[in-house]
C-alpha atoms as a PDB file:
ATOM      1  CA  MET A   1      54.656 -43.682 212.989  1.00  0.00           C
ATOM      2  CA  ASP A   2      56.699 -41.970 215.691  1.00  0.00           C
ATOM      3  CA  ILE A   3      59.421 -39.783 214.175  1.00  0.00           C
ATOM      4  CA  GLN A   4      62.408 -39.084 216.406  1.00  0.00           C
ATOM      5  CA  ILE A   5      65.559 -37.062 215.822  1.00  0.00           C
ATOM      6  CA  ALA A   6      68.501 -39.352 216.492  1.00  0.00           C
ATOM      7  CA  GLU A   7      70.802 -38.204 219.268  1.00  0.00           C
ATOM      8  CA  ASN A   8      72.756 -41.423 219.611  1.00  0.00           C
ATOM      9  CA  GLU A   9      75.336 -42.111 216.897  1.00  0.00           C
ATOM     10  CA  LYS A  10      75.622 -45.792 217.844  1.00  0.00           C
ATOM     11  CA  ILE A  11      71.893 -46.473 217.525  1.00  0.00           C
ATOM     12  CA  TRP A  12      71.716 -44.649 214.184  1.00  0.00           C
ATOM     13  CA  ASN A  13      74.653 -46.573 212.732  1.00  0.00           C
ATOM     14  CA  GLU A  14      73.283 -49.902 213.982  1.00  0.00           C
ATOM     15  CA  ILE A  15      70.072 -49.246 212.059  1.00  0.00           C
ATOM     16  CA  ALA A  16      72.006 -48.112 208.984  1.00  0.00           C
ATOM     17  CA  ASP A  17      74.192 -51.226 209.115  1.00  0.00           C
ATOM     18  CA  THR A  18      71.132 -53.521 209.074  1.00  0.00           C
ATOM     19  CA  SER A  19      69.384 -51.689 206.241  1.00  0.00           C
ATOM     20  CA  PRO A  20      70.084 -53.101 202.762  1.00  0.00           C
ATOM     21  CA  GLN A  21      69.336 -49.651 201.325  1.00  0.00           C
ATOM     22  CA  ALA A  22      71.648 -47.553 203.510  1.00  0.00           C
ATOM     23  CA  THR A  23      75.000 -46.552 202.039  1.00  0.00           C
ATOM     24  CA  ALA A  24      78.326 -45.310 203.373  1.00  0.00           C
ATOM     25  CA  PHE A  25      76.870 -41.817 203.091  1.00  0.00           C
ATOM     26  CA  HIS A  26      74.230 -42.706 205.699  1.00  0.00           C
ATOM     27  CA  GLN A  27      76.866 -43.174 208.401  1.00  0.00           C
ATOM     28  CA  TYR A  28      76.243 -40.692 211.199  1.00  0.00           C
ATOM     29  CA  GLU A  29      79.746 -39.212 211.141  1.00  0.00           C
ATOM     30  CA  TRP A  30      79.605 -38.643 207.374  1.00  0.00           C
ATOM     31  CA  LEU A  31      76.259 -36.881 207.827  1.00  0.00           C
ATOM     32  CA  LYS A  32      77.745 -34.633 210.511  1.00  0.00           C
ATOM     33  CA  LEU A  33      80.604 -33.720 208.178  1.00  0.00           C
ATOM     34  CA  MET A  34      78.046 -32.790 205.514  1.00  0.00           C
ATOM     35  CA  GLU A  35      76.382 -30.545 208.079  1.00  0.00           C
ATOM     36  CA  LYS A  36      79.704 -28.994 209.093  1.00  0.00           C
ATOM     37  CA  HIS A  37      80.839 -28.172 205.568  1.00  0.00           C
ATOM     38  CA  THR A  38      77.540 -27.006 204.036  1.00  0.00           C
ATOM     39  CA  GLY A  39      75.849 -24.898 206.697  1.00  0.00           C
ATOM     40  CA  PHE A  40      72.676 -26.987 206.422  1.00  0.00           C
ATOM     41  CA  ARG A  41      71.214 -28.284 209.671  1.00  0.00           C
ATOM     42  CA  LEU A  42      71.022 -32.065 209.924  1.00  0.00           C
ATOM     43  CA  TYR A  43      67.853 -33.774 211.132  1.00  0.00           C
ATOM     44  CA  PRO A  44      68.676 -37.507 211.351  1.00  0.00           C
ATOM     45  CA  LEU A  45      65.132 -38.890 211.458  1.00  0.00           C
ATOM     46  CA  ILE A  46      64.283 -42.372 212.734  1.00  0.00           C
ATOM     47  CA  ALA A  47      60.774 -43.774 212.304  1.00  0.00           C
ATOM     48  CA  PHE A  48      59.488 -46.156 214.971  1.00  0.00           C
ATOM     49  CA  LYS A  49      56.449 -48.411 214.959  1.00  0.00           C
ATOM     50  CA  GLY A  50      56.048 -49.085 218.644  1.00  0.00           C
ATOM     51  CA  GLU A  51      59.528 -49.968 219.880  1.00  0.00           C
ATOM     52  CA  GLU A  52      60.732 -51.190 216.486  1.00  0.00           C
ATOM     53  CA  ALA A  53      62.742 -48.990 214.134  1.00  0.00           C
ATOM     54  CA  VAL A  54      61.262 -49.009 210.636  1.00  0.00           C
ATOM     55  CA  GLY A  55      63.641 -46.708 208.783  1.00  0.00           C
ATOM     56  CA  ILE A  56      65.986 -43.745 208.788  1.00  0.00           C
ATOM     57  CA  PHE A  57      65.893 -40.590 206.721  1.00  0.00           C
ATOM     58  CA  PRO A  58      68.648 -37.937 207.021  1.00  0.00           C
ATOM     59  CA  VAL A  59      67.184 -34.541 206.177  1.00  0.00           C
ATOM     60  CA  PHE A  60      69.157 -31.303 205.798  1.00  0.00           C
ATOM     61  CA  PHE A  61      67.375 -28.002 206.381  1.00  0.00           C
ATOM     62  CA  TYR A  62      68.326 -24.509 205.214  1.00  0.00           C
ATOM     63  CA  LYS A  63      66.455 -21.227 205.490  1.00  0.00           C
ATOM     64  CA  LYS A  64      67.186 -18.138 203.438  1.00  0.00           C
ATOM     65  CA  PHE A  65      64.699 -15.322 203.040  1.00  0.00           C
ATOM     66  CA  PHE A  66      61.353 -16.911 202.185  1.00  0.00           C
ATOM     67  CA  VAL A  67      62.840 -20.248 201.094  1.00  0.00           C
ATOM     68  CA  ARG A  68      62.729 -23.007 203.719  1.00  0.00           C
ATOM     69  CA  SER A  69      64.349 -25.932 201.935  1.00  0.00           C
ATOM     70  CA  THR A  70      65.150 -29.520 202.816  1.00  0.00           C
ATOM     71  CA  PHE A  71      67.562 -31.702 200.919  1.00  0.00           C
ATOM     72  CA  SER A  72      68.878 -35.236 201.080  1.00  0.00           C
ATOM     73  CA  PRO A  73      71.715 -35.090 200.121  1.00  0.00           C
ATOM     74  CA  PRO A  74      72.516 -31.410 200.693  1.00  0.00           C
ATOM     75  CA  PRO A  75      74.295 -29.303 198.067  1.00  0.00           C
ATOM     76  CA  GLY A  76      78.064 -29.051 198.157  1.00  0.00           C
ATOM     77  CA  THR A  77      78.796 -32.617 199.287  1.00  0.00           C
ATOM     78  CA  ALA A  78      79.535 -34.438 195.997  1.00  0.00           C
ATOM     79  CA  ILE A  79      76.928 -37.039 196.972  1.00  0.00           C
ATOM     80  CA  SER A  80      74.616 -38.314 194.226  1.00  0.00           C
ATOM     81  CA  TYR A  81      72.086 -39.965 196.525  1.00  0.00           C
ATOM     82  CA  LEU A  82      71.055 -40.272 200.163  1.00  0.00           C
ATOM     83  CA  GLY A  83      67.384 -40.238 201.219  1.00  0.00           C
ATOM     84  CA  PRO A  84      65.426 -42.984 202.987  1.00  0.00           C
ATOM     85  CA  ALA A  85      66.643 -46.401 204.107  1.00  0.00           C
ATOM     86  CA  MET A  86      64.328 -48.982 205.625  1.00  0.00           C
ATOM     87  CA  VAL A  87      64.815 -52.058 207.796  1.00  0.00           C
ATOM     88  CA  GLY A  88      62.857 -55.238 208.446  1.00  0.00           C
ATOM     89  CA  LYS A  89      60.913 -55.352 205.155  1.00  0.00           C
ATOM     90  CA  GLU A  90      62.558 -58.370 203.565  1.00  0.00           C
ATOM     91  CA  ASN A  91      60.087 -61.000 204.783  1.00  0.00           C
ATOM     92  CA  LEU A  92      56.909 -58.939 204.461  1.00  0.00           C
ATOM     93  CA  ARG A  93      54.241 -59.563 201.877  1.00  0.00           C
ATOM     94  CA  LEU A  94      53.921 -56.994 199.098  1.00  0.00           C
ATOM     95  CA  SER A  95      50.866 -55.346 200.628  1.00  0.00           C
ATOM     96  CA  GLN A  96      52.646 -55.041 203.993  1.00  0.00           C
ATOM     97  CA  ARG A  97      55.784 -53.604 202.399  1.00  0.00           C
ATOM     98  CA  GLU A  98      53.780 -51.027 200.473  1.00  0.00           C
ATOM     99  CA  TYR A  99      51.786 -50.021 203.553  1.00  0.00           C
ATOM    100  CA  THR A 100      54.886 -49.770 205.769  1.00  0.00           C
ATOM    101  CA  THR A 101      56.787 -47.748 203.162  1.00  0.00           C
ATOM    102  CA  LEU A 102      53.910 -45.337 202.646  1.00  0.00           C
ATOM    103  CA  GLU A 103      53.366 -44.809 206.384  1.00  0.00           C
ATOM    104  CA  PHE A 104      57.094 -44.270 206.924  1.00  0.00           C
ATOM    105  CA  LEU A 105      57.404 -41.668 204.160  1.00  0.00           C
ATOM    106  CA  LYS A 106      54.105 -40.045 205.121  1.00  0.00           C
ATOM    107  CA  SER A 107      55.423 -39.562 208.665  1.00  0.00           C
ATOM    108  CA  VAL A 108      58.673 -38.029 207.403  1.00  0.00           C
ATOM    109  CA  ASP A 109      56.755 -35.791 204.998  1.00  0.00           C
ATOM    110  CA  CYS A 110      54.545 -34.638 207.867  1.00  0.00           C
ATOM    111  CA  PHE A 111      57.597 -33.755 209.980  1.00  0.00           C
ATOM    112  CA  ILE A 112      59.090 -31.780 207.089  1.00  0.00           C
ATOM    113  CA  SER A 113      55.921 -29.830 206.387  1.00  0.00           C
ATOM    114  CA  LYS A 114      54.716 -29.244 209.967  1.00  0.00           C
ATOM    115  CA  SER A 115      57.871 -29.136 212.091  1.00  0.00           C
ATOM    116  CA  LEU A 116      60.289 -27.631 209.585  1.00  0.00           C
ATOM    117  CA  LYS A 117      57.599 -25.826 207.585  1.00  0.00           C
ATOM    118  CA  ALA A 118      59.635 -26.462 204.455  1.00  0.00           C
ATOM    119  CA  ASN A 119      58.286 -25.052 201.216  1.00  0.00           C
ATOM    120  CA  TYR A 120      60.866 -26.732 199.008  1.00  0.00           C
ATOM    121  CA  VAL A 121      61.911 -30.389 199.316  1.00  0.00           C
ATOM    122  CA  TYR A 122      64.371 -32.420 197.252  1.00  0.00           C
ATOM    123  CA  PHE A 123      65.474 -36.039 197.754  1.00  0.00           C
ATOM    124  CA  SER A 124      67.671 -38.307 195.660  1.00  0.00           C
ATOM    125  CA  ALA A 125      67.041 -41.901 196.675  1.00  0.00           C
ATOM    126  CA  PRO A 126      69.737 -44.611 196.849  1.00  0.00           C
ATOM    127  CA  PRO A 127      69.764 -47.373 194.201  1.00  0.00           C
ATOM    128  CA  LYS A 128      67.991 -50.025 196.295  1.00  0.00           C
ATOM    129  CA  ILE A 129      64.969 -47.759 196.816  1.00  0.00           C
ATOM    130  CA  ASP A 130      63.349 -48.869 193.590  1.00  0.00           C
ATOM    131  CA  ASP A 131      59.659 -48.042 194.109  1.00  0.00           C
ATOM    132  CA  PRO A 132      58.827 -44.327 193.780  1.00  0.00           C
ATOM    133  CA  ARG A 133      55.042 -44.689 194.055  1.00  0.00           C
ATOM    134  CA  ALA A 134      54.816 -43.661 197.710  1.00  0.00           C
ATOM    135  CA  PHE A 135      56.515 -40.354 196.889  1.00  0.00           C
ATOM    136  CA  GLN A 136      54.123 -39.824 193.979  1.00  0.00           C
ATOM    137  CA  TRP A 137      51.133 -40.545 196.211  1.00  0.00           C
ATOM    138  CA  LEU A 138      52.420 -37.913 198.640  1.00  0.00           C
ATOM    139  CA  GLY A 139      52.489 -35.270 195.912  1.00  0.00           C
ATOM    140  CA  TYR A 140      56.156 -35.341 194.893  1.00  0.00           C
ATOM    141  CA  ASP A 141      57.343 -34.812 191.345  1.00  0.00           C
ATOM    142  CA  VAL A 142      59.383 -37.951 190.675  1.00  0.00           C
ATOM    143  CA  LYS A 143      62.072 -38.220 188.004  1.00  0.00           C
ATOM    144  CA  PRO A 144      64.478 -41.023 187.072  1.00  0.00           C
ATOM    145  CA  ALA A 145      68.190 -40.855 187.906  1.00  0.00           C
ATOM    146  CA  TYR A 146      70.949 -43.163 186.728  1.00  0.00           C
ATOM    147  CA  GLY A 147      74.242 -44.838 187.542  1.00  0.00           C
ATOM    148  CA  TYR A 148      76.617 -47.449 186.159  1.00  0.00           C
ATOM    149  CA  ILE A 149      77.459 -50.696 187.964  1.00  0.00           C
ATOM    150  CA  THR A 150      79.092 -54.031 187.216  1.00  0.00           C
ATOM    151  CA  ASP A 151      78.873 -57.361 189.046  1.00  0.00           C
ATOM    152  CA  LEU A 152      82.202 -58.637 190.383  1.00  0.00           C
ATOM    153  CA  LYS A 153      81.053 -61.927 191.909  1.00  0.00           C
ATOM    154  CA  ASN A 154      82.282 -64.067 189.000  1.00  0.00           C
ATOM    155  CA  GLY A 155      85.842 -62.859 189.416  1.00  0.00           C
ATOM    156  CA  LEU A 156      88.221 -60.464 187.707  1.00  0.00           C
ATOM    157  CA  GLU A 157      88.678 -62.346 184.448  1.00  0.00           C
ATOM    158  CA  ALA A 158      84.917 -62.584 183.874  1.00  0.00           C
ATOM    159  CA  VAL A 159      84.525 -58.867 184.612  1.00  0.00           C
ATOM    160  CA  LEU A 160      87.315 -57.844 182.250  1.00  0.00           C
ATOM    161  CA  GLU A 161      85.932 -60.097 179.541  1.00  0.00           C
ATOM    162  CA  LYS A 162      82.575 -58.342 179.855  1.00  0.00           C
ATOM    163  CA  ILE A 163      83.697 -54.722 180.099  1.00  0.00           C
ATOM    164  CA  THR A 164      86.790 -54.506 177.890  1.00  0.00           C
ATOM    165  CA  THR A 165      86.695 -54.622 174.115  1.00  0.00           C
ATOM    166  CA  LYS A 166      89.680 -55.286 171.889  1.00  0.00           C
ATOM    167  CA  LYS A 167      90.056 -51.534 171.429  1.00  0.00           C
ATOM    168  CA  ILE A 168      90.041 -50.828 175.186  1.00  0.00           C
ATOM    169  CA  ARG A 169      92.617 -53.543 175.833  1.00  0.00           C
ATOM    170  CA  LYS A 170      94.794 -52.083 173.058  1.00  0.00           C
ATOM    171  CA  GLU A 171      94.549 -48.597 174.597  1.00  0.00           C
ATOM    172  CA  ILE A 172      95.518 -49.945 178.018  1.00  0.00           C
ATOM    173  CA  LYS A 173      98.593 -51.693 176.578  1.00  0.00           C
ATOM    174  CA  ARG A 174      99.555 -48.488 174.765  1.00  0.00           C
ATOM    175  CA  ALA A 175      99.246 -46.532 178.014  1.00  0.00           C
ATOM    176  CA  LEU A 176     101.499 -48.998 179.838  1.00  0.00           C
ATOM    177  CA  ARG A 177     104.098 -48.945 177.057  1.00  0.00           C
ATOM    178  CA  LYS A 178     104.056 -45.147 177.137  1.00  0.00           C
ATOM    179  CA  GLY A 179     104.964 -45.257 180.821  1.00  0.00           C
ATOM    180  CA  ILE A 180     101.602 -44.352 182.357  1.00  0.00           C
ATOM    181  CA  TYR A 181     100.959 -46.246 185.567  1.00  0.00           C
ATOM    182  CA  VAL A 182      98.384 -46.256 188.358  1.00  0.00           C
ATOM    183  CA  ARG A 183      99.147 -46.286 192.060  1.00  0.00           C
ATOM    184  CA  GLU A 184      97.337 -45.724 195.337  1.00  0.00           C
ATOM    185  CA  GLY A 185      97.674 -42.448 197.164  1.00  0.00           C
ATOM    186  CA  GLY A 186      96.722 -40.417 200.224  1.00  0.00           C
ATOM    187  CA  LYS A 187      96.040 -36.820 201.222  1.00  0.00           C
ATOM    188  CA  LYS A 188      98.703 -35.327 198.941  1.00  0.00           C
ATOM    189  CA  GLU A 189      97.159 -37.165 196.013  1.00  0.00           C
ATOM    190  CA  ILE A 190      93.679 -35.879 196.929  1.00  0.00           C
ATOM    191  CA  GLU A 191      95.107 -32.365 196.846  1.00  0.00           C
ATOM    192  CA  ALA A 192      96.607 -33.043 193.412  1.00  0.00           C
ATOM    193  CA  ILE A 193      93.300 -34.416 192.073  1.00  0.00           C
ATOM    194  CA  TYR A 194      91.449 -31.438 193.508  1.00  0.00           C
ATOM    195  CA  ASN A 195      93.822 -28.982 191.829  1.00  0.00           C
ATOM    196  CA  LEU A 196      93.333 -30.780 188.510  1.00  0.00           C
ATOM    197  CA  MET A 197      89.562 -30.464 188.920  1.00  0.00           C
ATOM    198  CA  LEU A 198      89.892 -26.775 189.752  1.00  0.00           C
ATOM    199  CA  GLY A 199      91.809 -26.211 186.538  1.00  0.00           C
ATOM    200  CA  ARG A 200      89.374 -28.227 184.457  1.00  0.00           C
ATOM    201  CA  TYR A 201      86.337 -26.450 185.864  1.00  0.00           C
ATOM    202  CA  GLU A 202      87.976 -23.052 185.429  1.00  0.00           C
ATOM    203  CA  ASN A 203      88.441 -23.870 181.738  1.00  0.00           C
ATOM    204  CA  GLN A 204      84.725 -24.686 181.563  1.00  0.00           C
ATOM    205  CA  SER A 205      83.786 -21.508 183.496  1.00  0.00           C
ATOM    206  CA  LYS A 206      82.244 -23.639 186.240  1.00  0.00           C
ATOM    207  CA  PRO A 207      82.826 -23.515 189.997  1.00  0.00           C
ATOM    208  CA  VAL A 208      84.007 -26.510 191.998  1.00  0.00           C
ATOM    209  CA  THR A 209      81.402 -26.468 194.736  1.00  0.00           C
ATOM    210  CA  VAL A 210      82.798 -29.080 197.123  1.00  0.00           C
ATOM    211  CA  SER A 211      85.552 -28.001 199.498  1.00  0.00           C
ATOM    212  CA  GLU A 212      89.007 -29.537 199.670  1.00  0.00           C
ATOM    213  CA  LYS A 213      88.828 -29.514 203.483  1.00  0.00           C
ATOM    214  CA  TYR A 214      85.688 -31.658 203.322  1.00  0.00           C
ATOM    215  CA  LEU A 215      87.452 -34.273 201.172  1.00  0.00           C
ATOM    216  CA  LEU A 216      90.561 -34.319 203.357  1.00  0.00           C
ATOM    217  CA  GLU A 217      88.526 -34.665 206.535  1.00  0.00           C
ATOM    218  CA  LEU A 218      86.588 -37.549 205.017  1.00  0.00           C
ATOM    219  CA  PHE A 219      89.879 -39.219 204.108  1.00  0.00           C
ATOM    220  CA  ASP A 220      91.021 -38.990 207.729  1.00  0.00           C
ATOM    221  CA  ARG A 221      87.822 -40.501 209.115  1.00  0.00           C
ATOM    222  CA  PHE A 222      86.700 -43.044 206.517  1.00  0.00           C
ATOM    223  CA  LYS A 223      88.273 -45.779 204.448  1.00  0.00           C
ATOM    224  CA  LEU A 224      88.587 -43.751 201.279  1.00  0.00           C
ATOM    225  CA  LYS A 225      90.820 -45.149 198.556  1.00  0.00           C
ATOM    226  CA  VAL A 226      92.712 -42.814 196.259  1.00  0.00           C
ATOM    227  CA  PHE A 227      94.077 -43.837 192.872  1.00  0.00           C
ATOM    228  CA  VAL A 228      96.219 -41.658 190.637  1.00  0.00           C
ATOM    229  CA  ALA A 229      97.636 -42.114 187.161  1.00  0.00           C
ATOM    230  CA  GLU A 230     101.174 -40.818 186.681  1.00  0.00           C
ATOM    231  CA  TYR A 231     103.203 -39.988 183.602  1.00  0.00           C
ATOM    232  CA  GLU A 232     106.824 -38.879 183.796  1.00  0.00           C
ATOM    233  CA  ASP A 233     106.491 -38.541 187.587  1.00  0.00           C
ATOM    234  CA  GLU A 234     103.507 -36.192 187.263  1.00  0.00           C
ATOM    235  CA  ILE A 235      99.971 -36.964 188.441  1.00  0.00           C
ATOM    236  CA  VAL A 236      97.796 -36.558 185.358  1.00  0.00           C
ATOM    237  CA  THR A 237      94.437 -37.755 186.702  1.00  0.00           C
ATOM    238  CA  GLY A 238      92.946 -39.683 189.610  1.00  0.00           C
ATOM    239  CA  THR A 239      89.889 -40.722 191.594  1.00  0.00           C
ATOM    240  CA  VAL A 240      88.632 -40.925 195.154  1.00  0.00           C
ATOM    241  CA  CYS A 241      86.704 -44.122 195.951  1.00  0.00           C
ATOM    242  CA  VAL A 242      84.366 -45.143 198.775  1.00  0.00           C
ATOM    243  CA  SER A 243      83.662 -48.523 200.372  1.00  0.00           C
ATOM    244  CA  SER A 244      79.910 -48.958 200.809  1.00  0.00           C
ATOM    245  CA  LYS A 245      79.066 -52.407 202.195  1.00  0.00           C
ATOM    246  CA  ASP A 246      79.325 -54.807 199.239  1.00  0.00           C
ATOM    247  CA  ARG A 247      79.991 -52.005 196.731  1.00  0.00           C
ATOM    248  CA  PHE A 248      83.166 -50.236 195.726  1.00  0.00           C
ATOM    249  CA  LEU A 249      82.174 -46.771 194.548  1.00  0.00           C
ATOM    250  CA  SER A 250      84.294 -44.769 192.133  1.00  0.00           C
ATOM    251  CA  TRP A 251      83.146 -41.529 193.699  1.00  0.00           C
ATOM    252  CA  ILE A 252      84.736 -38.360 192.292  1.00  0.00           C
ATOM    253  CA  GLY A 253      87.579 -37.515 189.974  1.00  0.00           C
ATOM    254  CA  PHE A 254      88.744 -38.450 186.466  1.00  0.00           C
ATOM    255  CA  PRO A 255      89.794 -34.846 185.695  1.00  0.00           C
ATOM    256  CA  LYS A 256      91.165 -34.336 182.219  1.00  0.00           C
ATOM    257  CA  PRO A 257      94.997 -34.180 182.220  1.00  0.00           C
ATOM    258  CA  ARG A 258      96.506 -30.706 181.849  1.00  0.00           C
ATOM    259  CA  ILE A 259      98.851 -31.973 179.159  1.00  0.00           C
ATOM    260  CA  LYS A 260      97.809 -33.554 175.892  1.00  0.00           C
ATOM    261  CA  LEU A 261      98.155 -37.262 176.510  1.00  0.00           C
ATOM    262  CA  SER A 262      97.341 -40.132 174.178  1.00  0.00           C
ATOM    263  CA  PRO A 263      96.122 -42.656 174.983  1.00  0.00           C
ATOM    264  CA  SER A 264      93.937 -41.385 177.808  1.00  0.00           C
ATOM    265  CA  PRO A 265      94.939 -42.823 181.210  1.00  0.00           C
ATOM    266  CA  ASN A 266      91.321 -43.163 182.297  1.00  0.00           C
ATOM    267  CA  ASP A 267      90.785 -46.627 180.768  1.00  0.00           C
ATOM    268  CA  LEU A 268      93.736 -47.938 182.754  1.00  0.00           C
ATOM    269  CA  LEU A 269      92.535 -46.144 185.888  1.00  0.00           C
ATOM    270  CA  ILE A 270      89.083 -47.761 185.710  1.00  0.00           C
ATOM    271  CA  VAL A 271      90.530 -51.241 185.185  1.00  0.00           C
ATOM    272  CA  GLU A 272      92.905 -50.824 188.141  1.00  0.00           C
ATOM    273  CA  GLU A 273      90.007 -49.761 190.382  1.00  0.00           C
ATOM    274  CA  ILE A 274      88.072 -52.847 189.328  1.00  0.00           C
ATOM    275  CA  LYS A 275      91.095 -55.070 190.012  1.00  0.00           C
ATOM    276  CA  TYR A 276      91.335 -53.605 193.515  1.00  0.00           C
ATOM    277  CA  ALA A 277      87.608 -54.151 194.131  1.00  0.00           C
ATOM    278  CA  CYS A 278      87.799 -57.797 193.004  1.00  0.00           C
ATOM    279  CA  GLU A 279      90.918 -58.522 195.047  1.00  0.00           C
ATOM    280  CA  ASN A 280      89.331 -57.062 198.171  1.00  0.00           C
ATOM    281  CA  GLY A 281      86.073 -58.997 198.065  1.00  0.00           C
ATOM    282  CA  TYR A 282      83.535 -56.475 196.822  1.00  0.00           C
ATOM    283  CA  ASP A 283      80.480 -57.771 194.954  1.00  0.00           C
ATOM    284  CA  TYR A 284      79.883 -54.665 192.826  1.00  0.00           C
ATOM    285  CA  TYR A 285      81.791 -51.772 191.290  1.00  0.00           C
ATOM    286  CA  GLU A 286      79.806 -48.581 190.750  1.00  0.00           C
ATOM    287  CA  ILE A 287      80.721 -45.384 188.938  1.00  0.00           C
ATOM    288  CA  MET A 288      78.875 -42.390 190.356  1.00  0.00           C
ATOM    289  CA  GLY A 289      77.808 -39.224 188.562  1.00  0.00           C
ATOM    290  CA  ALA A 290      78.347 -40.354 184.966  1.00  0.00           C
ATOM    291  CA  ALA A 291      75.321 -42.201 183.565  1.00  0.00           C
ATOM    292  CA  GLY A 292      72.949 -39.260 183.822  1.00  0.00           C
ATOM    293  CA  ASP A 293      75.295 -36.808 182.121  1.00  0.00           C
ATOM    294  CA  ARG A 294      74.828 -36.660 178.370  1.00  0.00           C
ATOM    295  CA  ARG A 295      78.418 -35.461 177.870  1.00  0.00           C
ATOM    296  CA  LEU A 296      79.856 -38.457 179.697  1.00  0.00           C
ATOM    297  CA  HIS A 297      77.736 -41.513 179.018  1.00  0.00           C
ATOM    298  CA  ASN A 298      79.242 -42.189 175.596  1.00  0.00           C
ATOM    299  CA  TYR A 299      82.639 -42.708 177.210  1.00  0.00           C
ATOM    300  CA  TYR A 300      81.550 -44.776 180.195  1.00  0.00           C
ATOM    301  CA  SER A 301      78.962 -46.863 178.337  1.00  0.00           C
ATOM    302  CA  LYS A 302      81.724 -48.354 176.180  1.00  0.00           C
ATOM    303  CA  PHE A 303      82.652 -50.490 179.203  1.00  0.00           C
ATOM    304  CA  ASN A 304      79.345 -52.354 178.970  1.00  0.00           C
ATOM    305  CA  PHE A 305      78.400 -51.549 182.570  1.00  0.00           C
ATOM    306  CA  ASP A 306      74.884 -52.286 183.773  1.00  0.00           C
ATOM    307  CA  LEU A 307      72.554 -49.322 184.190  1.00  0.00           C
ATOM    308  CA  ILE A 308      71.127 -48.477 187.612  1.00  0.00           C
ATOM    309  CA  VAL A 309      67.759 -46.728 187.484  1.00  0.00           C
ATOM    310  CA  ARG A 310      66.820 -44.924 190.670  1.00  0.00           C
ATOM    311  CA  PHE A 311      64.837 -41.713 191.212  1.00  0.00           C
ATOM    312  CA  SER A 312      64.727 -38.252 192.703  1.00  0.00           C
ATOM    313  CA  ALA A 313      61.705 -36.572 194.210  1.00  0.00           C
ATOM    314  CA  LYS A 314      60.828 -32.896 194.508  1.00  0.00           C
ATOM    315  CA  LYS A 315      57.984 -30.949 196.078  1.00  0.00           C
ATOM    316  CA  SER A 316      57.404 -27.203 196.196  1.00  0.00           C
ATOM    317  CA  SER A 317      54.542 -25.178 197.651  1.00  0.00           C
ATOM    318  CA  MET A 318      55.953 -21.967 196.220  1.00  0.00           C
ATOM    319  CA  ILE A 319      55.320 -20.206 192.918  1.00  0.00           C
ATOM    320  CA  PRO A 320      57.055 -22.506 190.399  1.00  0.00           C
ATOM    321  CA  THR A 321      58.764 -19.711 188.461  1.00  0.00           C
ATOM    322  CA  ILE A 322      60.369 -18.385 191.645  1.00  0.00           C
ATOM    323  CA  ILE A 323      61.629 -21.640 193.115  1.00  0.00           C
ATOM    324  CA  GLU A 324      62.752 -23.062 189.798  1.00  0.00           C
ATOM    325  CA  GLY A 325      64.964 -20.012 189.447  1.00  0.00           C
ATOM    326  CA  VAL A 326      66.613 -20.755 192.798  1.00  0.00           C
ATOM    327  CA  TYR A 327      66.855 -24.527 192.592  1.00  0.00           C
ATOM    328  CA  PRO A 328      69.117 -24.960 189.525  1.00  0.00           C
ATOM    329  CA  ARG A 329      71.851 -22.895 191.189  1.00  0.00           C
ATOM    330  CA  MET A 330      71.635 -25.054 194.307  1.00  0.00           C
ATOM    331  CA  LYS A 331      71.325 -28.258 192.295  1.00  0.00           C
ATOM    332  CA  GLY A 332      74.629 -27.417 190.648  1.00  0.00           C
ATOM    333  CA  LYS A 333      76.186 -27.865 194.074  1.00  0.00           C
ATOM    334  CA  LEU A 334      75.010 -31.452 194.456  1.00  0.00           C
ATOM    335  CA  GLY A 335      78.476 -32.727 193.683  1.00  0.00           C
ATOM    336  CA  ILE A 336      81.456 -32.617 191.425  1.00  0.00           C
ATOM    337  CA  HIS A 337      80.280 -34.278 188.248  1.00  0.00           C
ATOM    338  CA  ARG A 338      82.755 -36.338 186.322  1.00  0.00           C
ATOM    339  CA  VAL A 339      84.910 -34.431 183.940  1.00  0.00           C
ATOM    340  CA  LYS A 340      84.605 -35.289 180.299  1.00  0.00           C
ATOM    341  CA  LYS A 341      87.348 -37.497 178.933  1.00  0.00           C
END
């Protein structure tokens, strides 16, 4: 296939809009903001078969010393997944889909190895890329990755009946009686959430590796929704959410309150996000960055969400002991993980 580097934002976004696998993070302007705030160089790759676009694959390149690495998504962006997105496969037979997918990924892999000469490659595929075999056939080490999602199409009452137990409903009522309430916010609330995360991560001796300027710039340019929980006129926790086609993504946040607060406001916060998603016509509500974290899944799994199984893929031509010493430090920058309740 013919691999081209997209130079036209409109054409890229038109392809992304028609792909069932592309997410909000595939939008050209979001990709350019990732490039701006990480120092990685963006290569927005489009694969063509003749005149027809087959798929897109945003690749971020970084060179330091002997390491020539490519990522999708890049570190420091708080994005759990990016990677390939294909178009025009829905009506193909299985054999045609498999062939097209393999040729598409083979062409991208060839560009990465020959044009970028990358010796370390890492991709985290979006949820609707559910067949990792082509990556395996191309020599990638494939591992599962996870997320939580719930179907909203049957309406709010059906969702709440599924996800809330008697105990959760009791905790929410206690929170309301205590005076905890949830409201929408804007840039000031993002700053408050960010400061809470800084404090929480400092207590855990961990760095917050996504910049506040990146979040604020995204808020200005995209339809981000911000929710905060307040108690006695103080913001005690909050989240930043993203609209991604038919999905409402609870993206980053849920920092632990600075003050001891019982019950936790997070149950109420999750339910209010779901209410918003139902009222605004979304088909799915997804919580990012929680299901794969052993510290967090016990809390989030109590809501009876459905598990998303996707995958990541990695390839290295370098000495494993060297690159594996570098990669974990970079992998830690793949996003702000959810703070334990």
